[in-house]
Amino acid sequence: MSNKGTSRLGFFGKINHYDANGKKVGESRPSIWGGFDEYDASGDKIGETRHGFPGSMEHYDGEGYKIGETRRGLFGELNHYDEKGNKVGHSTRGLFGEWKDYGE
C-alpha cells in the first residue's frame, strides 16, 4: 500500500488534491448538479464526479466515459474502484479533516 497523496477541503466546497510530495495536482469544484467538476493542476476540466447508487460517487473522464467509482467502506474509509470494478485504492480521514489517499 503506497501513499498517493492528500485531498483537503478548500473554500466554497472546493477540494484540493496533492501528490505524495505535496504538489497540487488538481481540484474538484462543486457543480450545479450536485456532484463535482474535476480539474487538473493547470485548471483544465478533465472530468466530473456524479452521485451514483446511494452512498457512491461515479467518476467520468472528459469524454463522458465512466472511469471509476468511490464507495464508503464499513469503517468510514472511501474505497476506489476502476471502471471494471477492481479496487485500486482507498482513502482514510486524517487528523485535520483531510483525506489520505493510498493505492492498493
Protein backbone atom coordinates (compact mmCIF):
# COMPACT_ATOMS: atom_id res chain seq x y z
CA MET A 1 0.00 0.00 0.00
CA SER A 2 1.60 3.26 -1.08
CA ASN A 3 0.71 6.85 -0.23
CA LYS A 4 -0.69 8.53 -3.34
CA GLY A 5 -1.42 11.94 -1.84
CA THR A 6 -3.83 14.03 0.15
CA SER A 7 -7.12 15.82 -0.52
CA ARG A 8 -8.06 18.89 1.53
CA LEU A 9 -11.21 20.95 1.67
CA GLY A 10 -10.76 24.48 0.32
CA PHE A 11 -13.07 27.49 0.13
CA PHE A 12 -16.66 27.29 -1.19
CA GLY A 13 -16.74 23.47 -1.11
CA LYS A 14 -13.72 23.05 -3.40
CA ILE A 15 -11.41 20.08 -2.74
CA ASN A 16 -7.69 20.48 -3.49
CA HIS A 17 -5.69 17.37 -4.45
CA TYR A 18 -1.95 16.97 -3.75
CA ASP A 19 0.51 14.23 -4.67
CA ALA A 20 2.66 12.40 -2.08
CA ASN A 21 5.26 15.22 -2.28
CA GLY A 22 2.70 17.97 -1.52
CA LYS A 23 2.48 19.33 -5.09
CA LYS A 24 -1.03 20.36 -6.13
CA VAL A 25 -2.20 18.06 -8.93
CA GLY A 26 -5.83 19.14 -9.30
CA GLU A 27 -9.07 20.19 -7.71
CA SER A 28 -12.73 19.27 -7.52
CA ARG A 29 -15.26 22.09 -7.68
CA PRO A 30 -18.96 21.63 -6.80
CA SER A 31 -21.15 21.52 -9.90
CA ILE A 32 -24.66 22.89 -10.20
CA TRP A 33 -25.93 19.28 -10.46
CA GLY A 34 -24.68 18.26 -7.01
CA GLY A 35 -21.50 16.43 -7.98
CA PHE A 36 -18.08 17.85 -8.80
CA ASP A 37 -16.31 19.13 -11.89
CA GLU A 38 -12.72 17.82 -11.93
CA TYR A 39 -9.74 19.99 -12.99
CA ASP A 40 -6.02 19.32 -13.41
CA ALA A 41 -3.28 21.48 -11.89
CA SER A 42 -3.44 23.86 -14.89
CA GLY A 43 -7.15 24.50 -14.36
CA ASP A 44 -8.31 22.48 -17.40
CA LYS A 45 -11.51 20.48 -16.89
CA ILE A 46 -10.72 16.77 -17.12
CA GLY A 47 -13.95 15.12 -15.99
CA GLU A 48 -16.75 15.01 -13.45
CA THR A 49 -17.94 13.11 -10.42
CA ARG A 50 -21.66 12.37 -10.06
CA HIS A 51 -23.80 10.81 -7.35
CA GLY A 52 -24.40 7.14 -8.06
CA PHE A 53 -26.14 4.40 -6.12
CA PRO A 54 -26.86 5.77 -2.62
CA GLY A 55 -23.56 6.46 -0.92
CA SER A 56 -21.40 6.15 -4.02
CA MET A 57 -19.81 8.62 -6.43
CA GLU A 58 -19.22 7.76 -10.10
CA HIS A 59 -16.23 9.25 -11.93
CA TYR A 60 -16.24 10.20 -15.63
CA ASP A 61 -13.47 11.41 -17.93
CA GLY A 62 -13.69 14.48 -20.17
CA GLU A 63 -15.41 12.45 -22.89
CA GLY A 64 -18.17 11.25 -20.54
CA TYR A 65 -16.92 7.67 -20.15
CA LYS A 66 -17.19 6.12 -16.68
CA ILE A 67 -13.67 5.56 -15.35
CA GLY A 68 -14.39 4.51 -11.78
CA GLU A 69 -16.43 4.70 -8.63
CA THR A 70 -15.92 5.52 -4.95
CA ARG A 71 -17.90 3.82 -2.17
CA ARG A 72 -17.80 4.27 1.61
CA GLY A 73 -16.47 1.25 3.50
CA LEU A 74 -17.57 -0.31 6.78
CA PHE A 75 -15.25 1.86 8.90
CA GLY A 76 -15.84 5.21 7.14
CA GLU A 77 -12.97 4.86 4.67
CA LEU A 78 -13.53 5.56 0.97
CA ASN A 79 -12.81 2.64 -1.38
CA HIS A 80 -11.90 3.43 -5.00
CA TYR A 81 -12.63 1.14 -7.95
CA ASP A 82 -11.74 1.30 -11.65
CA GLU A 83 -14.29 1.07 -14.47
CA LYS A 84 -14.23 -2.76 -14.27
CA GLY A 85 -14.95 -2.85 -10.53
CA ASN A 86 -11.39 -3.67 -9.42
CA LYS A 87 -10.34 -2.00 -6.18
CA VAL A 88 -7.47 0.39 -6.95
CA GLY A 89 -7.11 2.31 -3.69
CA HIS A 90 -8.71 3.79 -0.61
CA SER A 91 -8.73 7.00 1.42
CA THR A 92 -8.81 7.47 5.17
CA ARG A 93 -9.61 10.59 7.19
CA GLY A 94 -6.56 12.36 8.66
CA LEU A 95 -6.22 14.20 11.96
CA PHE A 96 -7.06 17.60 10.46
CA GLY A 97 -10.03 16.57 8.30
CA GLU A 98 -8.00 15.86 5.17
CA TRP A 99 -8.24 12.57 3.28
CA LYS A 100 -5.08 10.45 2.86
CA ASP A 101 -5.12 8.58 -0.46
CA TYR A 102 -3.50 5.16 -0.89
CA GLY A 103 -3.04 2.75 -3.79
CA GLU A 104 -3.54 -0.97 -3.36
